[in-house]
Amino acid sequence: MATSLVISLRGQALEILQSIPEEQQNDYDRIVGSLEIKYGHKYLRQLYQSQIKSRQQRSNESLQEYEADIEQLVHLAYPQAPKDFLEQISIHTFIDELVDTEMQQALRLGRHTQVRVSDALVAALEFKAAKEASRSYKSRRCLNKRA
């Protein structure tokens, strides 16, 4: 069985074989274990969990892109977790790492109404729209006073 696996390896997967000591290159479990470490999601969970902790909204990133990335990272980091847990981690991460601190505060005040991360996204988009409308109204008022 190890021979069939070795023959089917290509590219970077074949290079992994070269990192295994020669006397273990016929050991199927050893080869599979090395491949899982390199390519398996099981070992990437810690990386995804770390990325969640350090993930911040980038200044040029839309709220929708940011929310989608958070949701994907959380699902990759905790593939076996219950849906409620995934939603709570997603909501907390989404709110805590927003660029706009006023938006963070507004969303924290309404957190009790947010069951899903998509609820937090909708609230963030509404806040952004209201903030932009207020800014537009303010600038028009200033122009009218000058005229």
C-alpha atoms as a PDB file:
ATOM      1  CA  MET A   1       0.000   0.000   0.000  1.00  0.00           C
ATOM      2  CA  ALA A   2       2.875   2.406   0.764  1.00  0.00           C
ATOM      3  CA  THR A   3       4.376   1.703  -2.669  1.00  0.00           C
ATOM      4  CA  SER A   4       1.144   2.693  -4.450  1.00  0.00           C
ATOM      5  CA  LEU A   5       0.999   5.904  -2.438  1.00  0.00           C
ATOM      6  CA  VAL A   6       4.645   6.766  -3.161  1.00  0.00           C
ATOM      7  CA  ILE A   7       4.165   6.156  -6.901  1.00  0.00           C
ATOM      8  CA  SER A   8       1.122   8.481  -6.978  1.00  0.00           C
ATOM      9  CA  LEU A   9       2.872  11.413  -5.258  1.00  0.00           C
ATOM     10  CA  ARG A  10       3.655  14.473  -7.407  1.00  0.00           C
ATOM     11  CA  GLY A  11       5.191  17.926  -6.945  1.00  0.00           C
ATOM     12  CA  GLN A  12       5.441  19.210  -3.376  1.00  0.00           C
ATOM     13  CA  ALA A  13       3.855  16.042  -2.012  1.00  0.00           C
ATOM     14  CA  LEU A  14       6.737  14.053  -3.505  1.00  0.00           C
ATOM     15  CA  GLU A  15       9.207  16.460  -1.870  1.00  0.00           C
ATOM     16  CA  ILE A  16       7.715  15.552   1.522  1.00  0.00           C
ATOM     17  CA  LEU A  17       8.794  11.961   0.903  1.00  0.00           C
ATOM     18  CA  GLN A  18      12.390  13.159   0.685  1.00  0.00           C
ATOM     19  CA  SER A  19      12.114  14.622   4.207  1.00  0.00           C
ATOM     20  CA  ILE A  20      11.216  11.194   5.637  1.00  0.00           C
ATOM     21  CA  PRO A  21      14.190   9.024   6.669  1.00  0.00           C
ATOM     22  CA  GLU A  22      14.893   6.379   4.016  1.00  0.00           C
ATOM     23  CA  GLU A  23      14.158   3.451   6.333  1.00  0.00           C
ATOM     24  CA  GLN A  24      10.629   4.860   6.954  1.00  0.00           C
ATOM     25  CA  GLN A  25       9.745   5.640   3.328  1.00  0.00           C
ATOM     26  CA  ASN A  26       7.882   2.320   3.006  1.00  0.00           C
ATOM     27  CA  ASP A  27       5.836   3.000   6.156  1.00  0.00           C
ATOM     28  CA  TYR A  28       2.357   3.959   4.938  1.00  0.00           C
ATOM     29  CA  ASP A  29       1.299   5.522   8.271  1.00  0.00           C
ATOM     30  CA  ARG A  30       4.467   7.628   8.415  1.00  0.00           C
ATOM     31  CA  ILE A  31       3.950   8.926   4.863  1.00  0.00           C
ATOM     32  CA  VAL A  32       0.263   9.701   5.445  1.00  0.00           C
ATOM     33  CA  GLY A  33       1.122  11.394   8.753  1.00  0.00           C
ATOM     34  CA  SER A  34       3.676  13.645   7.052  1.00  0.00           C
ATOM     35  CA  LEU A  35       1.195  14.525   4.305  1.00  0.00           C
ATOM     36  CA  GLU A  36      -1.512  15.335   6.875  1.00  0.00           C
ATOM     37  CA  ILE A  37       0.840  17.640   8.750  1.00  0.00           C
ATOM     38  CA  LYS A  38       1.591  19.522   5.543  1.00  0.00           C
ATOM     39  CA  TYR A  39      -1.846  19.503   3.897  1.00  0.00           C
ATOM     40  CA  GLY A  40      -4.427  18.391   6.461  1.00  0.00           C
ATOM     41  CA  HIS A  41      -6.927  20.801   8.042  1.00  0.00           C
ATOM     42  CA  LYS A  42      -6.481  19.082  11.386  1.00  0.00           C
ATOM     43  CA  TYR A  43      -3.107  20.765  11.813  1.00  0.00           C
ATOM     44  CA  LEU A  44      -4.246  24.032  10.317  1.00  0.00           C
ATOM     45  CA  ARG A  45      -6.924  24.585  12.988  1.00  0.00           C
ATOM     46  CA  GLN A  46      -4.411  26.183  15.341  1.00  0.00           C
ATOM     47  CA  LEU A  47      -3.276  28.482  12.554  1.00  0.00           C
ATOM     48  CA  TYR A  48      -6.873  29.486  11.799  1.00  0.00           C
ATOM     49  CA  GLN A  49      -7.568  30.061  15.502  1.00  0.00           C
ATOM     50  CA  SER A  50      -4.498  32.281  15.685  1.00  0.00           C
ATOM     51  CA  GLN A  51      -5.623  34.189  12.595  1.00  0.00           C
ATOM     52  CA  ILE A  52      -9.011  34.809  14.213  1.00  0.00           C
ATOM     53  CA  LYS A  53      -7.301  36.361  17.240  1.00  0.00           C
ATOM     54  CA  SER A  54      -5.171  38.662  15.113  1.00  0.00           C
ATOM     55  CA  ARG A  55      -7.694  39.404  12.338  1.00  0.00           C
ATOM     56  CA  GLN A  56      -8.563  43.081  12.042  1.00  0.00           C
ATOM     57  CA  GLN A  57     -10.613  44.852   9.427  1.00  0.00           C
ATOM     58  CA  ARG A  58      -8.292  46.428   6.887  1.00  0.00           C
ATOM     59  CA  SER A  59      -8.848  50.090   6.048  1.00  0.00           C
ATOM     60  CA  ASN A  60      -9.726  49.324   2.407  1.00  0.00           C
ATOM     61  CA  GLU A  61     -11.886  46.275   3.212  1.00  0.00           C
ATOM     62  CA  SER A  62     -15.666  46.430   2.941  1.00  0.00           C
ATOM     63  CA  LEU A  63     -17.819  45.273   5.823  1.00  0.00           C
ATOM     64  CA  GLN A  64     -19.148  42.437   3.659  1.00  0.00           C
ATOM     65  CA  GLU A  65     -15.656  41.172   2.768  1.00  0.00           C
ATOM     66  CA  TYR A  66     -14.569  41.409   6.393  1.00  0.00           C
ATOM     67  CA  GLU A  67     -17.636  39.515   7.661  1.00  0.00           C
ATOM     68  CA  ALA A  68     -17.222  36.769   5.038  1.00  0.00           C
ATOM     69  CA  ASP A  69     -13.560  36.287   5.942  1.00  0.00           C
ATOM     70  CA  ILE A  70     -14.326  36.119   9.676  1.00  0.00           C
ATOM     71  CA  GLU A  71     -17.067  33.566   9.069  1.00  0.00           C
ATOM     72  CA  GLN A  72     -14.805  31.415   6.903  1.00  0.00           C
ATOM     73  CA  LEU A  73     -11.922  31.504   9.410  1.00  0.00           C
ATOM     74  CA  VAL A  74     -14.220  30.563  12.296  1.00  0.00           C
ATOM     75  CA  HIS A  75     -15.640  27.587  10.372  1.00  0.00           C
ATOM     76  CA  LEU A  76     -12.134  26.407   9.445  1.00  0.00           C
ATOM     77  CA  ALA A  77     -10.857  26.837  13.008  1.00  0.00           C
ATOM     78  CA  TYR A  78     -13.781  25.042  14.666  1.00  0.00           C
ATOM     79  CA  PRO A  79     -15.252  22.611  12.103  1.00  0.00           C
ATOM     80  CA  GLN A  80     -16.924  20.381  14.699  1.00  0.00           C
ATOM     81  CA  ALA A  81     -18.317  23.158  16.924  1.00  0.00           C
ATOM     82  CA  PRO A  82     -22.045  23.802  17.388  1.00  0.00           C
ATOM     83  CA  LYS A  83     -23.576  26.526  15.206  1.00  0.00           C
ATOM     84  CA  ASP A  84     -24.386  28.772  18.202  1.00  0.00           C
ATOM     85  CA  PHE A  85     -20.737  28.724  19.295  1.00  0.00           C
ATOM     86  CA  LEU A  86     -19.548  29.559  15.770  1.00  0.00           C
ATOM     87  CA  GLU A  87     -21.969  32.479  15.554  1.00  0.00           C
ATOM     88  CA  GLN A  88     -20.885  33.914  18.915  1.00  0.00           C
ATOM     89  CA  ILE A  89     -17.175  33.713  18.043  1.00  0.00           C
ATOM     90  CA  SER A  90     -17.917  35.307  14.663  1.00  0.00           C
ATOM     91  CA  ILE A  91     -19.984  38.128  16.181  1.00  0.00           C
ATOM     92  CA  HIS A  92     -17.395  38.947  18.854  1.00  0.00           C
ATOM     93  CA  THR A  93     -14.513  38.898  16.384  1.00  0.00           C
ATOM     94  CA  PHE A  94     -16.430  40.949  13.809  1.00  0.00           C
ATOM     95  CA  ILE A  95     -17.333  43.681  16.298  1.00  0.00           C
ATOM     96  CA  ASP A  96     -14.087  43.762  18.285  1.00  0.00           C
ATOM     97  CA  GLU A  97     -11.843  44.274  15.270  1.00  0.00           C
ATOM     98  CA  LEU A  98     -13.807  46.829  13.242  1.00  0.00           C
ATOM     99  CA  VAL A  99     -11.775  49.853  12.132  1.00  0.00           C
ATOM    100  CA  ASP A 100     -14.531  52.304  13.129  1.00  0.00           C
ATOM    101  CA  THR A 101     -14.631  52.523  16.949  1.00  0.00           C
ATOM    102  CA  GLU A 102     -17.962  54.392  16.944  1.00  0.00           C
ATOM    103  CA  MET A 103     -19.443  51.506  14.974  1.00  0.00           C
ATOM    104  CA  GLN A 104     -17.974  49.056  17.497  1.00  0.00           C
ATOM    105  CA  GLN A 105     -19.682  50.904  20.337  1.00  0.00           C
ATOM    106  CA  ALA A 106     -23.034  51.041  18.537  1.00  0.00           C
ATOM    107  CA  LEU A 107     -22.916  47.325  17.741  1.00  0.00           C
ATOM    108  CA  ARG A 108     -21.957  46.443  21.304  1.00  0.00           C
ATOM    109  CA  LEU A 109     -24.996  48.331  22.558  1.00  0.00           C
ATOM    110  CA  GLY A 110     -27.214  46.287  20.248  1.00  0.00           C
ATOM    111  CA  ARG A 111     -25.426  42.969  20.723  1.00  0.00           C
ATOM    112  CA  HIS A 112     -28.428  41.408  22.473  1.00  0.00           C
ATOM    113  CA  THR A 113     -30.345  41.617  19.181  1.00  0.00           C
ATOM    114  CA  GLN A 114     -27.588  39.927  17.166  1.00  0.00           C
ATOM    115  CA  VAL A 115     -28.068  36.175  16.953  1.00  0.00           C
ATOM    116  CA  ARG A 116     -26.016  35.647  13.798  1.00  0.00           C
ATOM    117  CA  VAL A 117     -22.946  37.394  12.442  1.00  0.00           C
ATOM    118  CA  SER A 118     -25.094  38.437   9.480  1.00  0.00           C
ATOM    119  CA  ASP A 119     -27.231  40.409  11.993  1.00  0.00           C
ATOM    120  CA  ALA A 120     -24.091  42.239  13.102  1.00  0.00           C
ATOM    121  CA  LEU A 121     -23.211  42.927   9.464  1.00  0.00           C
ATOM    122  CA  VAL A 122     -26.676  44.384   8.788  1.00  0.00           C
ATOM    123  CA  ALA A 123     -26.406  46.571  11.911  1.00  0.00           C
ATOM    124  CA  ALA A 124     -22.936  47.746  10.813  1.00  0.00           C
ATOM    125  CA  LEU A 125     -24.193  48.617   7.328  1.00  0.00           C
ATOM    126  CA  GLU A 126     -27.147  50.522   8.810  1.00  0.00           C
ATOM    127  CA  PHE A 127     -24.805  52.416  11.144  1.00  0.00           C
ATOM    128  CA  LYS A 128     -22.501  53.287   8.249  1.00  0.00           C
ATOM    129  CA  ALA A 129     -25.431  54.517   6.137  1.00  0.00           C
ATOM    130  CA  ALA A 130     -26.790  56.631   9.011  1.00  0.00           C
ATOM    131  CA  LYS A 131     -23.345  58.089   9.689  1.00  0.00           C
ATOM    132  CA  GLU A 132     -22.862  58.997   6.022  1.00  0.00           C
ATOM    133  CA  ALA A 133     -26.363  60.512   5.829  1.00  0.00           C
ATOM    134  CA  SER A 134     -25.648  62.623   8.917  1.00  0.00           C
ATOM    135  CA  ARG A 135     -22.341  63.765   7.473  1.00  0.00           C
ATOM    136  CA  SER A 136     -24.063  64.699   4.212  1.00  0.00           C
ATOM    137  CA  TYR A 137     -26.808  66.571   6.074  1.00  0.00           C
ATOM    138  CA  LYS A 138     -24.223  68.444   8.150  1.00  0.00           C
ATOM    139  CA  SER A 139     -22.265  69.556   5.093  1.00  0.00           C
ATOM    140  CA  ARG A 140     -25.452  70.748   3.351  1.00  0.00           C
ATOM    141  CA  ARG A 141     -26.449  72.709   6.458  1.00  0.00           C
ATOM    142  CA  CYS A 142     -23.053  74.391   6.539  1.00  0.00           C
ATOM    143  CA  LEU A 143     -23.358  75.325   2.859  1.00  0.00           C
ATOM    144  CA  ASN A 144     -26.847  76.786   3.417  1.00  0.00           C
ATOM    145  CA  LYS A 145     -25.619  78.937   6.322  1.00  0.00           C
ATOM    146  CA  ARG A 146     -22.838  80.380   4.167  1.00  0.00           C
ATOM    147  CA  ALA A 147     -25.215  81.261   1.328  1.00  0.00           C
END
